[in-house]
C-alpha atoms as a PDB file:
ATOM      1  CA  MET A   1      19.815  -2.057  32.779  1.00  0.00           C
ATOM      2  CA  SER A   2      20.792   0.211  35.675  1.00  0.00           C
ATOM      3  CA  ASP A   3      23.234   3.021  36.214  1.00  0.00           C
ATOM      4  CA  SER A   4      25.945   3.253  38.890  1.00  0.00           C
ATOM      5  CA  ARG A   5      23.481   4.872  41.326  1.00  0.00           C
ATOM      6  CA  GLY A   6      21.028   1.978  41.173  1.00  0.00           C
ATOM      7  CA  GLY A   7      18.448   3.760  38.943  1.00  0.00           C
ATOM      8  CA  SER A   8      17.167   2.265  35.738  1.00  0.00           C
ATOM      9  CA  LEU A   9      18.226   3.682  32.401  1.00  0.00           C
ATOM     10  CA  GLN A  10      15.544   4.509  29.830  1.00  0.00           C
ATOM     11  CA  PRO A  11      15.823   5.645  26.233  1.00  0.00           C
ATOM     12  CA  LEU A  12      15.643   9.445  26.059  1.00  0.00           C
ATOM     13  CA  GLY A  13      12.754   9.423  23.557  1.00  0.00           C
ATOM     14  CA  LYS A  14      10.611   7.280  25.848  1.00  0.00           C
ATOM     15  CA  LEU A  15      11.434   9.455  28.845  1.00  0.00           C
ATOM     16  CA  LEU A  16      10.661  12.657  26.915  1.00  0.00           C
ATOM     17  CA  LYS A  17       7.297  11.321  25.708  1.00  0.00           C
ATOM     18  CA  GLY A  18       6.382  10.500  29.303  1.00  0.00           C
ATOM     19  CA  VAL A  19       7.306  13.987  30.527  1.00  0.00           C
ATOM     20  CA  LEU A  20       5.346  15.651  27.708  1.00  0.00           C
ATOM     21  CA  ARG A  21       2.316  13.484  28.447  1.00  0.00           C
ATOM     22  CA  GLU A  22       2.509  14.222  32.195  1.00  0.00           C
ATOM     23  CA  ARG A  23       2.644  17.954  31.546  1.00  0.00           C
ATOM     24  CA  GLY A  24      -0.195  17.902  28.995  1.00  0.00           C
ATOM     25  CA  LEU A  25       2.064  18.908  26.101  1.00  0.00           C
ATOM     26  CA  ALA A  26       2.127  15.707  24.033  1.00  0.00           C
ATOM     27  CA  GLU A  27      -0.891  16.575  21.863  1.00  0.00           C
ATOM     28  CA  GLY A  28       0.559  19.999  21.015  1.00  0.00           C
ATOM     29  CA  VAL A  29       3.854  18.442  19.983  1.00  0.00           C
ATOM     30  CA  ASP A  30       1.990  15.907  17.855  1.00  0.00           C
ATOM     31  CA  ARG A  31      -0.055  18.677  16.233  1.00  0.00           C
ATOM     32  CA  ALA A  32       3.064  20.757  15.511  1.00  0.00           C
ATOM     33  CA  SER A  33       4.284  18.011  13.191  1.00  0.00           C
ATOM     34  CA  VAL A  34       1.794  19.349  10.622  1.00  0.00           C
ATOM     35  CA  PHE A  35       4.203  22.196   9.767  1.00  0.00           C
ATOM     36  CA  PRO A  36       7.091  20.172   8.324  1.00  0.00           C
ATOM     37  CA  GLU A  37       4.704  17.530   6.899  1.00  0.00           C
ATOM     38  CA  TRP A  38       2.216  19.942   5.280  1.00  0.00           C
ATOM     39  CA  GLU A  39       3.156  19.440   1.618  1.00  0.00           C
ATOM     40  CA  GLU A  40       3.329  15.667   2.020  1.00  0.00           C
ATOM     41  CA  LEU A  41      -0.080  15.615   3.719  1.00  0.00           C
ATOM     42  CA  VAL A  42      -2.019  17.918   1.394  1.00  0.00           C
ATOM     43  CA  GLY A  43      -0.069  17.679  -1.848  1.00  0.00           C
ATOM     44  CA  ALA A  44       2.118  20.129  -3.732  1.00  0.00           C
ATOM     45  CA  ARG A  45      -0.752  21.973  -5.439  1.00  0.00           C
ATOM     46  CA  ILE A  46      -2.445  22.953  -2.163  1.00  0.00           C
ATOM     47  CA  ALA A  47       0.891  23.605  -0.456  1.00  0.00           C
ATOM     48  CA  GLU A  48       1.705  26.176  -3.160  1.00  0.00           C
ATOM     49  CA  VAL A  49      -1.309  28.297  -2.205  1.00  0.00           C
ATOM     50  CA  ALA A  50      -1.873  27.560   1.487  1.00  0.00           C
ATOM     51  CA  ALA A  51       0.243  27.064   4.589  1.00  0.00           C
ATOM     52  CA  PRO A  52      -0.471  26.334   8.236  1.00  0.00           C
ATOM     53  CA  VAL A  53       0.424  29.283  10.456  1.00  0.00           C
ATOM     54  CA  GLY A  54      -0.688  28.080  13.878  1.00  0.00           C
ATOM     55  CA  PHE A  55      -3.054  26.014  15.933  1.00  0.00           C
ATOM     56  CA  ASN A  56      -5.032  26.287  19.130  1.00  0.00           C
ATOM     57  CA  ARG A  57      -6.087  22.995  20.639  1.00  0.00           C
ATOM     58  CA  GLY A  58      -7.924  21.137  17.867  1.00  0.00           C
ATOM     59  CA  THR A  59      -8.159  24.058  15.429  1.00  0.00           C
ATOM     60  CA  LEU A  60      -5.569  24.515  12.687  1.00  0.00           C
ATOM     61  CA  PHE A  61      -5.169  27.998  11.160  1.00  0.00           C
ATOM     62  CA  VAL A  62      -4.148  28.105   7.510  1.00  0.00           C
ATOM     63  CA  GLU A  63      -3.323  31.171   5.398  1.00  0.00           C
ATOM     64  CA  VAL A  64      -4.445  31.024   1.785  1.00  0.00           C
ATOM     65  CA  ARG A  65      -3.089  33.057  -1.125  1.00  0.00           C
ATOM     66  CA  SER A  66      -6.376  33.941  -2.888  1.00  0.00           C
ATOM     67  CA  SER A  67     -10.082  34.180  -2.158  1.00  0.00           C
ATOM     68  CA  ALA A  68     -10.822  31.623  -4.890  1.00  0.00           C
ATOM     69  CA  TRP A  69      -8.553  29.085  -3.202  1.00  0.00           C
ATOM     70  CA  LEU A  70      -9.977  30.014   0.188  1.00  0.00           C
ATOM     71  CA  MET A  71     -13.475  29.004  -0.950  1.00  0.00           C
ATOM     72  CA  GLU A  72     -12.173  25.839  -2.611  1.00  0.00           C
ATOM     73  CA  LEU A  73     -10.277  24.745   0.502  1.00  0.00           C
ATOM     74  CA  GLU A  74     -13.253  25.428   2.754  1.00  0.00           C
ATOM     75  CA  LEU A  75     -15.220  22.971   0.606  1.00  0.00           C
ATOM     76  CA  MET A  76     -12.383  20.463   0.983  1.00  0.00           C
ATOM     77  CA  GLU A  77     -12.020  20.859   4.767  1.00  0.00           C
ATOM     78  CA  ARG A  78     -13.315  17.381   5.674  1.00  0.00           C
ATOM     79  CA  ARG A  79     -11.017  15.662   3.173  1.00  0.00           C
ATOM     80  CA  ILE A  80      -8.021  17.687   4.331  1.00  0.00           C
ATOM     81  CA  LEU A  81      -8.821  16.899   7.969  1.00  0.00           C
ATOM     82  CA  ALA A  82      -9.000  13.210   7.113  1.00  0.00           C
ATOM     83  CA  ARG A  83      -5.520  13.392   5.550  1.00  0.00           C
ATOM     84  CA  LEU A  84      -4.065  15.341   8.469  1.00  0.00           C
ATOM     85  CA  ASN A  85      -5.501  12.948  11.050  1.00  0.00           C
ATOM     86  CA  ALA A  86      -4.989   9.654   9.175  1.00  0.00           C
ATOM     87  CA  ASP A  87      -1.859   8.515  11.020  1.00  0.00           C
ATOM     88  CA  ARG A  88      -2.330  10.397  14.284  1.00  0.00           C
ATOM     89  CA  ALA A  89      -3.112   8.483  17.458  1.00  0.00           C
ATOM     90  CA  THR A  90      -3.132  11.761  19.403  1.00  0.00           C
ATOM     91  CA  GLY A  91      -3.107  15.435  18.500  1.00  0.00           C
ATOM     92  CA  LYS A  92      -5.895  15.176  15.945  1.00  0.00           C
ATOM     93  CA  PHE A  93      -7.375  18.312  14.429  1.00  0.00           C
ATOM     94  CA  GLU A  94     -11.114  18.917  14.732  1.00  0.00           C
ATOM     95  CA  ARG A  95     -11.413  21.838  12.330  1.00  0.00           C
ATOM     96  CA  ILE A  96      -9.463  24.109  10.019  1.00  0.00           C
ATOM     97  CA  VAL A  97      -9.887  27.866   9.846  1.00  0.00           C
ATOM     98  CA  PHE A  98      -8.793  29.146   6.460  1.00  0.00           C
ATOM     99  CA  ARG A  99      -8.033  32.847   6.209  1.00  0.00           C
ATOM    100  CA  LEU A 100      -6.825  35.047   3.407  1.00  0.00           C
ATOM    101  CA  ALA A 101      -3.144  35.851   3.765  1.00  0.00           C
ATOM    102  CA  SER A 102      -2.567  39.542   4.373  1.00  0.00           C
ATOM    103  CA  GLY A 103       0.437  41.203   2.810  1.00  0.00           C
ATOM    104  CA  GLU A 104       3.115  38.779   1.680  1.00  0.00           C
ATOM    105  CA  PRO A 105       1.649  35.279   2.105  1.00  0.00           C
ATOM    106  CA  ARG A 106       3.710  32.810   4.086  1.00  0.00           C
ATOM    107  CA  VAL A 107       3.109  29.962   1.675  1.00  0.00           C
ATOM    108  CA  GLY A 108       5.532  27.833  -0.285  1.00  0.00           C
ATOM    109  CA  GLY A 109       7.807  26.833   2.577  1.00  0.00           C
ATOM    110  CA  ALA A 110       8.732  30.117   4.300  1.00  0.00           C
ATOM    111  CA  ARG A 111       7.361  30.533   7.825  1.00  0.00           C
END
């Protein structure tokens, strides 16, 4: 298909993916999908006490409500990483840094 100027028309999604890839942003966009998918990926029980708050390259930062849960989640890091990366072709996480939430924790949906 072509437009009136002789150029070819492409679906916007395909064009956007190409631009993101060219600019080196595609992996970051893929990684950012962890925020809305967190509860589905880790389960409701973990999502009640821990929430992702940011990432830097392949490291995901997660705030945890209590020190007991912090230790438990550190022991579960490999399993959680496997869940997070299971359906990702790009934007995979290499590690998770769990930290105790200071003040009012941003867990349970509010970011």
